[in-house]
Amino acid sequence: MATEEKKGTSIRDIRRKLGMVYFRKGETSNAIRVWQRILDEDPNDKDIKNLVEEAKVALDM
């Protein structure tokens, strides 16, 4: 009988998703703030860097 491992959600994943919710709701500054916390822990995260840049461009519109 195969055992199943519980798959936990990391804080990083939660923050990424929270940022996406904020962004979709038009709360761009909050999205950037949340994503920046990820970059504080991992400044080389290219996906998050791209999201932050996209959000900054949206703020300038």
N, C-alpha and C. Protein backbone atom coordinates (compact mmCIF):
# COMPACT_ATOMS: atom_id res chain seq x y z
N MET A 1 0.85 -1.19 0.00
CA MET A 1 0.00 0.00 0.00
C MET A 1 0.89 1.24 0.00
N ALA A 2 0.66 2.13 -0.93
CA ALA A 2 1.46 3.35 -1.04
C ALA A 2 0.99 4.38 -0.02
N THR A 3 1.95 5.07 0.54
CA THR A 3 1.59 6.13 1.49
C THR A 3 1.59 7.46 0.77
N GLU A 4 0.71 8.34 1.20
CA GLU A 4 0.65 9.66 0.61
C GLU A 4 1.27 10.66 1.57
N GLU A 5 2.12 11.52 1.04
CA GLU A 5 2.71 12.57 1.84
C GLU A 5 1.85 13.82 1.74
N LYS A 6 1.70 14.47 2.86
CA LYS A 6 0.97 15.74 2.84
C LYS A 6 1.85 16.78 2.16
N LYS A 7 1.24 17.53 1.30
CA LYS A 7 1.98 18.57 0.60
C LYS A 7 1.66 19.91 1.25
N GLY A 8 2.66 20.47 1.92
CA GLY A 8 2.46 21.74 2.60
C GLY A 8 2.66 22.92 1.66
N THR A 9 2.07 24.01 2.03
CA THR A 9 2.23 25.24 1.27
C THR A 9 3.24 26.11 1.99
N SER A 10 4.24 26.57 1.27
CA SER A 10 5.28 27.38 1.89
C SER A 10 4.79 28.81 2.07
N ILE A 11 5.43 29.52 2.97
CA ILE A 11 5.12 30.94 3.19
C ILE A 11 5.35 31.71 1.90
N ARG A 12 6.38 31.35 1.16
CA ARG A 12 6.66 32.01 -0.11
C ARG A 12 5.48 31.87 -1.07
N ASP A 13 4.95 30.65 -1.17
CA ASP A 13 3.81 30.42 -2.07
C ASP A 13 2.58 31.21 -1.63
N ILE A 14 2.37 31.28 -0.33
CA ILE A 14 1.23 32.04 0.19
C ILE A 14 1.40 33.52 -0.13
N ARG A 15 2.60 34.03 0.07
CA ARG A 15 2.86 35.45 -0.24
C ARG A 15 2.70 35.72 -1.73
N ARG A 16 3.17 34.82 -2.55
CA ARG A 16 3.05 35.00 -4.01
C ARG A 16 1.58 35.08 -4.39
N LYS A 17 0.79 34.15 -3.87
CA LYS A 17 -0.64 34.13 -4.19
C LYS A 17 -1.36 35.34 -3.62
N LEU A 18 -1.00 35.76 -2.41
CA LEU A 18 -1.61 36.94 -1.81
C LEU A 18 -1.32 38.17 -2.67
N GLY A 19 -0.08 38.27 -3.14
CA GLY A 19 0.27 39.37 -4.03
C GLY A 19 -0.56 39.36 -5.30
N MET A 20 -0.81 38.18 -5.84
CA MET A 20 -1.62 38.07 -7.05
C MET A 20 -3.06 38.52 -6.78
N VAL A 21 -3.59 38.16 -5.63
CA VAL A 21 -4.95 38.59 -5.27
C VAL A 21 -5.00 40.12 -5.18
N TYR A 22 -4.05 40.69 -4.48
CA TYR A 22 -4.00 42.16 -4.39
C TYR A 22 -3.90 42.79 -5.78
N PHE A 23 -3.02 42.26 -6.61
CA PHE A 23 -2.81 42.81 -7.94
C PHE A 23 -4.09 42.77 -8.76
N ARG A 24 -4.78 41.63 -8.73
CA ARG A 24 -6.02 41.48 -9.50
C ARG A 24 -7.13 42.38 -8.99
N LYS A 25 -7.10 42.70 -7.70
CA LYS A 25 -8.10 43.59 -7.11
C LYS A 25 -7.75 45.06 -7.34
N GLY A 26 -6.60 45.31 -7.95
CA GLY A 26 -6.19 46.68 -8.19
C GLY A 26 -5.43 47.30 -7.03
N GLU A 27 -5.08 46.49 -6.04
CA GLU A 27 -4.31 46.96 -4.88
C GLU A 27 -2.83 46.71 -5.15
N THR A 28 -2.33 47.41 -6.15
CA THR A 28 -0.99 47.18 -6.66
C THR A 28 0.10 47.44 -5.64
N SER A 29 -0.06 48.50 -4.86
CA SER A 29 0.95 48.81 -3.83
C SER A 29 1.06 47.69 -2.81
N ASN A 30 -0.07 47.11 -2.43
CA ASN A 30 -0.04 45.99 -1.49
C ASN A 30 0.62 44.77 -2.11
N ALA A 31 0.36 44.55 -3.40
CA ALA A 31 0.98 43.42 -4.10
C ALA A 31 2.50 43.57 -4.09
N ILE A 32 2.96 44.76 -4.41
CA ILE A 32 4.40 45.00 -4.42
C ILE A 32 5.00 44.79 -3.04
N ARG A 33 4.31 45.27 -2.01
CA ARG A 33 4.80 45.13 -0.64
C ARG A 33 4.96 43.64 -0.26
N VAL A 34 3.97 42.84 -0.61
CA VAL A 34 4.01 41.41 -0.29
C VAL A 34 5.12 40.72 -1.07
N TRP A 35 5.21 41.01 -2.35
CA TRP A 35 6.26 40.38 -3.18
C TRP A 35 7.65 40.82 -2.75
N GLN A 36 7.76 42.05 -2.28
CA GLN A 36 9.06 42.53 -1.83
C GLN A 36 9.55 41.72 -0.64
N ARG A 37 8.64 41.26 0.19
CA ARG A 37 9.04 40.40 1.32
C ARG A 37 9.68 39.11 0.83
N ILE A 38 9.19 38.59 -0.28
CA ILE A 38 9.82 37.40 -0.87
C ILE A 38 11.23 37.74 -1.34
N LEU A 39 11.36 38.89 -2.00
CA LEU A 39 12.67 39.29 -2.51
C LEU A 39 13.65 39.61 -1.38
N ASP A 40 13.14 40.04 -0.24
CA ASP A 40 14.02 40.27 0.91
C ASP A 40 14.69 38.97 1.34
N GLU A 41 13.97 37.86 1.19
CA GLU A 41 14.52 36.55 1.57
C GLU A 41 15.29 35.89 0.43
N ASP A 42 14.87 36.16 -0.80
CA ASP A 42 15.52 35.57 -1.96
C ASP A 42 15.61 36.61 -3.07
N PRO A 43 16.63 37.46 -3.02
CA PRO A 43 16.74 38.55 -4.00
C PRO A 43 16.97 38.09 -5.44
N ASN A 44 17.23 36.83 -5.65
CA ASN A 44 17.48 36.32 -7.00
C ASN A 44 16.26 35.66 -7.64
N ASP A 45 15.10 35.77 -7.01
CA ASP A 45 13.89 35.14 -7.53
C ASP A 45 13.40 35.93 -8.74
N LYS A 46 13.71 35.42 -9.93
CA LYS A 46 13.40 36.14 -11.17
C LYS A 46 11.89 36.28 -11.40
N ASP A 47 11.12 35.26 -11.04
CA ASP A 47 9.67 35.34 -11.23
C ASP A 47 9.06 36.47 -10.42
N ILE A 48 9.48 36.58 -9.18
CA ILE A 48 8.94 37.63 -8.31
C ILE A 48 9.44 38.99 -8.77
N LYS A 49 10.70 39.07 -9.17
CA LYS A 49 11.23 40.33 -9.71
C LYS A 49 10.38 40.80 -10.88
N ASN A 50 10.02 39.88 -11.77
CA ASN A 50 9.20 40.23 -12.92
C ASN A 50 7.82 40.71 -12.51
N LEU A 51 7.23 40.06 -11.51
CA LEU A 51 5.92 40.49 -11.02
C LEU A 51 5.99 41.90 -10.44
N VAL A 52 7.04 42.17 -9.69
CA VAL A 52 7.20 43.50 -9.09
C VAL A 52 7.36 44.55 -10.19
N GLU A 53 8.17 44.26 -11.19
CA GLU A 53 8.35 45.21 -12.29
C GLU A 53 7.05 45.45 -13.04
N GLU A 54 6.30 44.39 -13.29
CA GLU A 54 5.01 44.52 -13.97
C GLU A 54 4.05 45.39 -13.14
N ALA A 55 4.05 45.18 -11.83
CA ALA A 55 3.18 45.95 -10.95
C ALA A 55 3.60 47.42 -10.92
N LYS A 56 4.91 47.68 -10.91
CA LYS A 56 5.38 49.07 -10.92
C LYS A 56 4.97 49.78 -12.20
N VAL A 57 5.02 49.08 -13.32
CA VAL A 57 4.58 49.66 -14.59
C VAL A 57 3.08 49.97 -14.51
N ALA A 58 2.31 49.07 -13.92
CA ALA A 58 0.87 49.29 -13.79
C ALA A 58 0.58 50.52 -12.92
N LEU A 59 1.39 50.76 -11.91
CA LEU A 59 1.20 51.93 -11.06
C LEU A 59 1.43 53.23 -11.82
N ASP A 60 2.33 53.20 -12.78
CA ASP A 60 2.66 54.40 -13.56
C ASP A 60 1.63 54.72 -14.65
N MET A 61 0.71 53.81 -14.89
CA MET A 61 -0.28 54.01 -15.98
C MET A 61 -1.27 55.07 -15.62
